[in-house]
Amino acid sequence: MSWNSVEVNRRSVVIPQAKNGDSKSIPLTTAAKEILANLRRDNGPKVFPITPVAFRLAWDRLIVRSGLIDLHFHDLRHEAISRLFEKGLTIPEVGSISGHRDIRMLMRYAHADTKQVRCKLDRKNDADALPTSSY
């Protein structure tokens, strides 16, 4: 990600050419905006000036320290997509962030949290909450 693709005031990052060949604008949370706004910009054009090898070595060290055996960086994509759905984003909204144009591929990444589904099922619907007629 390069600094010229970050639009801090608009809270977005523009990807000029994604893997599918299209450009897209990814919205930033308030927290992400603050982090980016506070990063130093004098380390060159890249937001995160790290080589792929350095990233891989750091990831491997993290896995060892965490004790997690079967965690891959790509697993974070599954988790993020599932969390976006849990926040209530629609399929087109999540697809616009993840880059998925095919709903089947997007749904392969989405995994519902059983506890949250159970809580939703246990909630009373609006019709149950309305007062009943007395006649």
N, C-alpha and C. Protein backbone atom coordinates (compact mmCIF):
# COMPACT_ATOMS: atom_id res chain seq x y z
N MET A 1 0.85 -1.17 0.00
CA MET A 1 0.00 0.00 0.00
C MET A 1 0.90 1.23 0.00
N SER A 2 0.63 2.12 -0.92
CA SER A 2 1.45 3.32 -0.99
C SER A 2 0.68 4.52 -0.45
N TRP A 3 1.41 5.52 -0.01
CA TRP A 3 0.79 6.70 0.57
C TRP A 3 -0.11 7.42 -0.42
N ASN A 4 0.20 7.36 -1.71
CA ASN A 4 -0.65 8.08 -2.67
C ASN A 4 -2.00 7.39 -2.87
N SER A 5 -2.18 6.20 -2.31
CA SER A 5 -3.48 5.52 -2.38
C SER A 5 -4.32 5.73 -1.12
N VAL A 6 -3.73 6.35 -0.11
CA VAL A 6 -4.42 6.57 1.16
C VAL A 6 -5.09 7.95 1.15
N GLU A 7 -6.38 7.95 1.39
CA GLU A 7 -7.13 9.20 1.49
C GLU A 7 -7.65 9.30 2.92
N VAL A 8 -6.79 9.81 3.82
CA VAL A 8 -7.10 9.82 5.24
C VAL A 8 -8.37 10.61 5.52
N ASN A 9 -8.52 11.78 4.94
CA ASN A 9 -9.70 12.60 5.21
C ASN A 9 -10.99 11.96 4.72
N ARG A 10 -10.91 11.19 3.64
CA ARG A 10 -12.10 10.49 3.13
C ARG A 10 -12.26 9.12 3.76
N ARG A 11 -11.31 8.76 4.62
CA ARG A 11 -11.30 7.46 5.31
C ARG A 11 -11.41 6.31 4.33
N SER A 12 -10.49 6.30 3.36
CA SER A 12 -10.48 5.21 2.39
C SER A 12 -9.08 4.99 1.83
N VAL A 13 -8.90 3.79 1.29
CA VAL A 13 -7.69 3.44 0.57
C VAL A 13 -8.13 3.00 -0.81
N VAL A 14 -7.54 3.58 -1.83
CA VAL A 14 -7.88 3.24 -3.19
C VAL A 14 -6.87 2.23 -3.72
N ILE A 15 -7.38 1.12 -4.19
CA ILE A 15 -6.54 0.10 -4.81
C ILE A 15 -6.71 0.29 -6.32
N PRO A 16 -5.68 0.83 -7.01
CA PRO A 16 -5.84 1.14 -8.43
C PRO A 16 -6.11 -0.09 -9.30
N GLN A 17 -5.49 -1.21 -8.96
CA GLN A 17 -5.75 -2.43 -9.72
C GLN A 17 -5.66 -3.62 -8.76
N ALA A 18 -6.82 -4.14 -8.42
CA ALA A 18 -6.89 -5.30 -7.54
C ALA A 18 -6.55 -6.56 -8.31
N LYS A 19 -6.55 -7.68 -7.61
CA LYS A 19 -6.21 -8.96 -8.24
C LYS A 19 -7.14 -9.30 -9.41
N ASN A 20 -8.40 -8.85 -9.31
CA ASN A 20 -9.35 -9.15 -10.38
C ASN A 20 -9.27 -8.15 -11.53
N GLY A 21 -8.34 -7.19 -11.44
CA GLY A 21 -8.14 -6.21 -12.50
C GLY A 21 -8.90 -4.92 -12.31
N ASP A 22 -9.87 -4.89 -11.41
CA ASP A 22 -10.65 -3.69 -11.16
C ASP A 22 -9.99 -2.82 -10.10
N SER A 23 -10.35 -1.54 -10.10
CA SER A 23 -9.93 -0.68 -9.00
C SER A 23 -11.05 -0.69 -7.97
N LYS A 24 -10.71 -0.39 -6.73
CA LYS A 24 -11.73 -0.33 -5.69
C LYS A 24 -11.28 0.60 -4.59
N SER A 25 -12.24 1.09 -3.87
CA SER A 25 -12.00 1.97 -2.73
C SER A 25 -12.45 1.22 -1.48
N ILE A 26 -11.55 1.09 -0.53
CA ILE A 26 -11.84 0.35 0.70
C ILE A 26 -12.04 1.35 1.83
N PRO A 27 -13.19 1.30 2.51
CA PRO A 27 -13.42 2.22 3.61
C PRO A 27 -12.54 1.88 4.82
N LEU A 28 -12.16 2.90 5.56
CA LEU A 28 -11.35 2.72 6.76
C LEU A 28 -12.19 2.99 8.00
N THR A 29 -11.98 2.21 9.03
CA THR A 29 -12.61 2.50 10.30
C THR A 29 -11.98 3.75 10.89
N THR A 30 -12.62 4.31 11.89
CA THR A 30 -12.06 5.48 12.57
C THR A 30 -10.70 5.14 13.17
N ALA A 31 -10.59 3.95 13.75
CA ALA A 31 -9.31 3.53 14.35
C ALA A 31 -8.22 3.42 13.29
N ALA A 32 -8.54 2.84 12.13
CA ALA A 32 -7.55 2.72 11.05
C ALA A 32 -7.14 4.09 10.55
N LYS A 33 -8.10 5.00 10.45
CA LYS A 33 -7.79 6.37 10.01
C LYS A 33 -6.80 7.02 10.98
N GLU A 34 -7.03 6.86 12.27
CA GLU A 34 -6.14 7.45 13.27
C GLU A 34 -4.75 6.85 13.20
N ILE A 35 -4.67 5.56 13.03
CA ILE A 35 -3.36 4.89 12.93
C ILE A 35 -2.60 5.43 11.72
N LEU A 36 -3.27 5.48 10.58
CA LEU A 36 -2.60 5.96 9.36
C LEU A 36 -2.22 7.44 9.48
N ALA A 37 -3.08 8.23 10.11
CA ALA A 37 -2.79 9.65 10.27
C ALA A 37 -1.56 9.88 11.15
N ASN A 38 -1.28 8.96 12.05
CA ASN A 38 -0.17 9.12 12.98
C ASN A 38 1.13 8.42 12.54
N LEU A 39 1.08 7.71 11.42
CA LEU A 39 2.29 7.06 10.93
C LEU A 39 3.22 8.07 10.28
N ARG A 40 4.50 7.82 10.38
CA ARG A 40 5.49 8.68 9.72
C ARG A 40 5.44 8.45 8.22
N ARG A 41 5.56 9.53 7.48
CA ARG A 41 5.50 9.44 6.02
C ARG A 41 6.88 9.61 5.39
N ASP A 42 7.91 9.71 6.19
CA ASP A 42 9.24 9.96 5.64
C ASP A 42 10.05 8.70 5.40
N ASN A 43 9.39 7.54 5.42
CA ASN A 43 10.08 6.27 5.16
C ASN A 43 9.95 5.82 3.71
N GLY A 44 9.53 6.72 2.84
CA GLY A 44 9.38 6.37 1.44
C GLY A 44 7.93 6.30 1.04
N PRO A 45 7.68 5.82 -0.17
CA PRO A 45 6.31 5.82 -0.71
C PRO A 45 5.40 4.75 -0.11
N LYS A 46 5.96 3.73 0.51
CA LYS A 46 5.15 2.64 1.06
C LYS A 46 4.68 2.99 2.47
N VAL A 47 3.43 2.66 2.76
CA VAL A 47 2.86 2.90 4.10
C VAL A 47 3.57 2.01 5.11
N PHE A 48 3.78 0.76 4.75
CA PHE A 48 4.46 -0.20 5.62
C PHE A 48 5.73 -0.65 4.91
N PRO A 49 6.85 0.03 5.16
CA PRO A 49 8.08 -0.29 4.43
C PRO A 49 8.73 -1.58 4.93
N ILE A 50 8.20 -2.70 4.46
CA ILE A 50 8.71 -4.01 4.88
C ILE A 50 8.75 -4.91 3.64
N THR A 51 9.77 -5.69 3.54
CA THR A 51 9.88 -6.60 2.40
C THR A 51 9.04 -7.85 2.66
N PRO A 52 8.66 -8.56 1.61
CA PRO A 52 7.91 -9.81 1.81
C PRO A 52 8.67 -10.82 2.68
N VAL A 53 9.98 -10.88 2.53
CA VAL A 53 10.78 -11.82 3.34
C VAL A 53 10.73 -11.41 4.81
N ALA A 54 10.89 -10.13 5.09
CA ALA A 54 10.84 -9.65 6.48
C ALA A 54 9.47 -9.91 7.08
N PHE A 55 8.42 -9.70 6.29
CA PHE A 55 7.06 -9.97 6.78
C PHE A 55 6.91 -11.45 7.12
N ARG A 56 7.38 -12.31 6.22
CA ARG A 56 7.26 -13.76 6.46
C ARG A 56 8.00 -14.19 7.72
N LEU A 57 9.19 -13.66 7.92
CA LEU A 57 9.96 -14.01 9.11
C LEU A 57 9.26 -13.52 10.38
N ALA A 58 8.70 -12.31 10.33
CA ALA A 58 7.97 -11.78 11.48
C ALA A 58 6.73 -12.63 11.77
N TRP A 59 6.03 -13.04 10.71
CA TRP A 59 4.84 -13.90 10.88
C TRP A 59 5.24 -15.23 11.52
N ASP A 60 6.32 -15.83 11.03
CA ASP A 60 6.79 -17.10 11.59
C ASP A 60 7.14 -16.96 13.07
N ARG A 61 7.79 -15.86 13.45
CA ARG A 61 8.12 -15.63 14.86
C ARG A 61 6.84 -15.47 15.69
N LEU A 62 5.86 -14.78 15.15
CA LEU A 62 4.58 -14.59 15.84
C LEU A 62 3.90 -15.93 16.09
N ILE A 63 3.91 -16.79 15.11
CA ILE A 63 3.28 -18.11 15.25
C ILE A 63 3.98 -18.92 16.34
N VAL A 64 5.29 -18.88 16.35
CA VAL A 64 6.04 -19.61 17.38
C VAL A 64 5.71 -19.07 18.76
N ARG A 65 5.74 -17.74 18.91
CA ARG A 65 5.46 -17.12 20.22
C ARG A 65 4.03 -17.39 20.68
N SER A 66 3.09 -17.42 19.75
CA SER A 66 1.68 -17.60 20.12
C SER A 66 1.35 -19.05 20.47
N GLY A 67 2.13 -19.97 19.95
CA GLY A 67 1.84 -21.38 20.18
C GLY A 67 0.76 -21.92 19.25
N LEU A 68 0.31 -21.10 18.32
CA LEU A 68 -0.69 -21.55 17.35
C LEU A 68 0.02 -22.32 16.24
N ILE A 69 -0.41 -23.51 16.01
CA ILE A 69 0.31 -24.37 15.08
C ILE A 69 -0.19 -24.21 13.65
N ASP A 70 -1.50 -24.16 13.47
CA ASP A 70 -2.05 -24.21 12.12
C ASP A 70 -2.75 -22.90 11.75
N LEU A 71 -2.08 -21.78 11.95
CA LEU A 71 -2.63 -20.48 11.58
C LEU A 71 -1.83 -19.92 10.42
N HIS A 72 -2.53 -19.55 9.38
CA HIS A 72 -1.90 -18.98 8.19
C HIS A 72 -2.39 -17.55 8.03
N PHE A 73 -1.59 -16.71 7.43
CA PHE A 73 -1.96 -15.31 7.26
C PHE A 73 -3.29 -15.18 6.53
N HIS A 74 -3.53 -16.03 5.55
CA HIS A 74 -4.77 -15.99 4.79
C HIS A 74 -6.00 -16.29 5.66
N ASP A 75 -5.80 -16.99 6.79
CA ASP A 75 -6.91 -17.28 7.70
C ASP A 75 -7.51 -15.99 8.24
N LEU A 76 -6.71 -14.93 8.31
CA LEU A 76 -7.22 -13.65 8.80
C LEU A 76 -8.28 -13.09 7.86
N ARG A 77 -8.19 -13.40 6.59
CA ARG A 77 -9.20 -12.96 5.62
C ARG A 77 -10.54 -13.62 5.93
N HIS A 78 -10.53 -14.91 6.23
CA HIS A 78 -11.75 -15.60 6.63
C HIS A 78 -12.37 -14.93 7.85
N GLU A 79 -11.55 -14.69 8.83
CA GLU A 79 -12.02 -14.08 10.08
C GLU A 79 -12.59 -12.69 9.84
N ALA A 80 -11.90 -11.88 9.05
CA ALA A 80 -12.36 -10.52 8.78
C ALA A 80 -13.71 -10.53 8.06
N ILE A 81 -13.86 -11.38 7.06
CA ILE A 81 -15.11 -11.44 6.31
C ILE A 81 -16.25 -11.89 7.22
N SER A 82 -16.01 -12.88 8.04
CA SER A 82 -17.04 -13.33 8.98
C SER A 82 -17.43 -12.21 9.94
N ARG A 83 -16.45 -11.46 10.43
CA ARG A 83 -16.74 -10.35 11.36
C ARG A 83 -17.53 -9.23 10.67
N LEU A 84 -17.24 -8.96 9.40
CA LEU A 84 -18.00 -7.93 8.68
C LEU A 84 -19.47 -8.33 8.57
N PHE A 85 -19.73 -9.61 8.31
CA PHE A 85 -21.11 -10.07 8.28
C PHE A 85 -21.75 -9.97 9.67
N GLU A 86 -20.99 -10.30 10.71
CA GLU A 86 -21.52 -10.20 12.06
C GLU A 86 -21.86 -8.76 12.43
N LYS A 87 -21.15 -7.79 11.85
CA LYS A 87 -21.45 -6.38 12.09
C LYS A 87 -22.72 -5.95 11.37
N GLY A 88 -23.23 -6.82 10.50
CA GLY A 88 -24.47 -6.51 9.81
C GLY A 88 -24.30 -5.97 8.41
N LEU A 89 -23.08 -5.99 7.86
CA LEU A 89 -22.89 -5.54 6.49
C LEU A 89 -23.56 -6.51 5.53
N THR A 90 -24.03 -5.97 4.43
CA THR A 90 -24.72 -6.79 3.42
C THR A 90 -23.69 -7.51 2.55
N ILE A 91 -24.17 -8.44 1.75
CA ILE A 91 -23.29 -9.18 0.84
C ILE A 91 -22.57 -8.23 -0.12
N PRO A 92 -23.28 -7.28 -0.76
CA PRO A 92 -22.54 -6.35 -1.64
C PRO A 92 -21.52 -5.49 -0.89
N GLU A 93 -21.84 -5.10 0.33
CA GLU A 93 -20.90 -4.28 1.11
C GLU A 93 -19.63 -5.07 1.44
N VAL A 94 -19.81 -6.30 1.90
CA VAL A 94 -18.65 -7.13 2.23
C VAL A 94 -17.85 -7.43 0.96
N GLY A 95 -18.54 -7.72 -0.12
CA GLY A 95 -17.86 -7.99 -1.38
C GLY A 95 -17.06 -6.80 -1.87
N SER A 96 -17.56 -5.58 -1.63
CA SER A 96 -16.83 -4.40 -2.07
C SER A 96 -15.53 -4.22 -1.29
N ILE A 97 -15.50 -4.69 -0.07
CA ILE A 97 -14.29 -4.61 0.75
C ILE A 97 -13.35 -5.77 0.43
N SER A 98 -13.90 -6.97 0.34
CA SER A 98 -13.05 -8.15 0.13
C SER A 98 -12.59 -8.31 -1.32
N GLY A 99 -13.35 -7.71 -2.24
CA GLY A 99 -13.00 -7.83 -3.65
C GLY A 99 -13.69 -8.98 -4.35
N HIS A 100 -14.51 -9.71 -3.64
CA HIS A 100 -15.23 -10.84 -4.25
C HIS A 100 -16.37 -10.33 -5.11
N ARG A 101 -16.41 -10.75 -6.37
CA ARG A 101 -17.52 -10.41 -7.25
C ARG A 101 -18.49 -11.57 -7.35
N ASP A 102 -18.05 -12.74 -6.96
CA ASP A 102 -18.87 -13.95 -7.04
C ASP A 102 -19.34 -14.29 -5.62
N ILE A 103 -20.65 -14.33 -5.42
CA ILE A 103 -21.21 -14.58 -4.09
C ILE A 103 -20.80 -15.96 -3.56
N ARG A 104 -20.64 -16.93 -4.45
CA ARG A 104 -20.24 -18.28 -4.00
C ARG A 104 -18.86 -18.25 -3.36
N MET A 105 -17.94 -17.53 -3.97
CA MET A 105 -16.59 -17.44 -3.39
C MET A 105 -16.62 -16.67 -2.08
N LEU A 106 -17.40 -15.60 -2.03
CA LEU A 106 -17.50 -14.81 -0.81
C LEU A 106 -18.05 -15.66 0.33
N MET A 107 -19.06 -16.44 0.05
CA MET A 107 -19.68 -17.25 1.10
C MET A 107 -18.77 -18.37 1.59
N ARG A 108 -17.78 -18.76 0.78
CA ARG A 108 -16.79 -19.74 1.25
C ARG A 108 -15.97 -19.17 2.40
N TYR A 109 -15.84 -17.84 2.42
CA TYR A 109 -15.05 -17.18 3.47
C TYR A 109 -15.88 -16.85 4.70
N ALA A 110 -17.17 -16.76 4.56
CA ALA A 110 -18.03 -16.34 5.65
C ALA A 110 -18.41 -17.54 6.53
N HIS A 111 -18.14 -17.42 7.79
CA HIS A 111 -18.48 -18.48 8.74
C HIS A 111 -19.23 -17.86 9.91
N ALA A 112 -20.47 -18.25 10.06
CA ALA A 112 -21.29 -17.69 11.12
C ALA A 112 -20.81 -18.19 12.48
N ASP A 113 -20.83 -17.29 13.45
CA ASP A 113 -20.50 -17.62 14.83
C ASP A 113 -21.75 -18.27 15.45
N THR A 114 -21.64 -19.53 15.81
CA THR A 114 -22.79 -20.28 16.31
C THR A 114 -23.44 -19.59 17.51
N LYS A 115 -22.63 -19.03 18.39
CA LYS A 115 -23.17 -18.35 19.57
C LYS A 115 -24.03 -17.15 19.15
N GLN A 116 -23.55 -16.37 18.19
CA GLN A 116 -24.32 -15.21 17.74
C GLN A 116 -25.60 -15.63 17.02
N VAL A 117 -25.55 -16.69 16.24
CA VAL A 117 -26.74 -17.18 15.56
C VAL A 117 -27.75 -17.62 16.61
N ARG A 118 -27.30 -18.33 17.63
CA ARG A 118 -28.18 -18.79 18.70
C ARG A 118 -28.85 -17.60 19.39
N CYS A 119 -28.08 -16.54 19.67
CA CYS A 119 -28.64 -15.35 20.31
C CYS A 119 -29.69 -14.69 19.43
N LYS A 120 -29.44 -14.62 18.13
CA LYS A 120 -30.41 -14.03 17.21
C LYS A 120 -31.69 -14.86 17.18
N LEU A 121 -31.55 -16.18 17.21
CA LEU A 121 -32.72 -17.05 17.19
C LEU A 121 -33.55 -16.90 18.46
N ASP A 122 -32.88 -16.62 19.57
CA ASP A 122 -33.57 -16.51 20.85
C ASP A 122 -34.26 -15.16 21.05
N ARG A 123 -33.87 -14.14 20.27
CA ARG A 123 -34.49 -12.82 20.40
C ARG A 123 -35.94 -12.90 19.95
N LYS A 124 -36.77 -12.14 20.66
CA LYS A 124 -38.17 -12.04 20.24
C LYS A 124 -38.23 -11.14 19.03
N ASN A 125 -39.10 -11.48 18.08
CA ASN A 125 -39.26 -10.60 16.93
C ASN A 125 -40.22 -9.48 17.29
N ASP A 126 -40.30 -8.47 16.45
CA ASP A 126 -41.12 -7.29 16.74
C ASP A 126 -42.58 -7.64 16.95
N ALA A 127 -43.10 -8.59 16.22
CA ALA A 127 -44.51 -8.97 16.36
C ALA A 127 -44.79 -9.52 17.75
N ASP A 128 -43.83 -10.26 18.33
CA ASP A 128 -44.02 -10.81 19.67
C ASP A 128 -44.05 -9.70 20.72
N ALA A 129 -43.39 -8.58 20.45
CA ALA A 129 -43.28 -7.52 21.43
C ALA A 129 -44.49 -6.58 21.41
N LEU A 130 -45.34 -6.65 20.36
CA LEU A 130 -46.49 -5.76 20.28
C LEU A 130 -47.56 -6.20 21.26
N PRO A 131 -48.25 -5.22 21.86
CA PRO A 131 -49.33 -5.59 22.79
C PRO A 131 -50.47 -6.28 22.04
N THR A 132 -51.10 -7.21 22.70
CA THR A 132 -52.20 -7.94 22.07
C THR A 132 -53.50 -7.17 22.29
N SER A 133 -54.41 -7.39 21.40
CA SER A 133 -55.71 -6.73 21.51
C SER A 133 -56.51 -7.32 22.68
N SER A 134 -57.29 -6.52 23.31
CA SER A 134 -58.04 -7.01 24.47
C SER A 134 -59.45 -7.42 24.09
N TYR A 135 -59.85 -7.39 22.83
CA TYR A 135 -61.19 -7.81 22.50
C TYR A 135 -61.27 -9.18 21.98
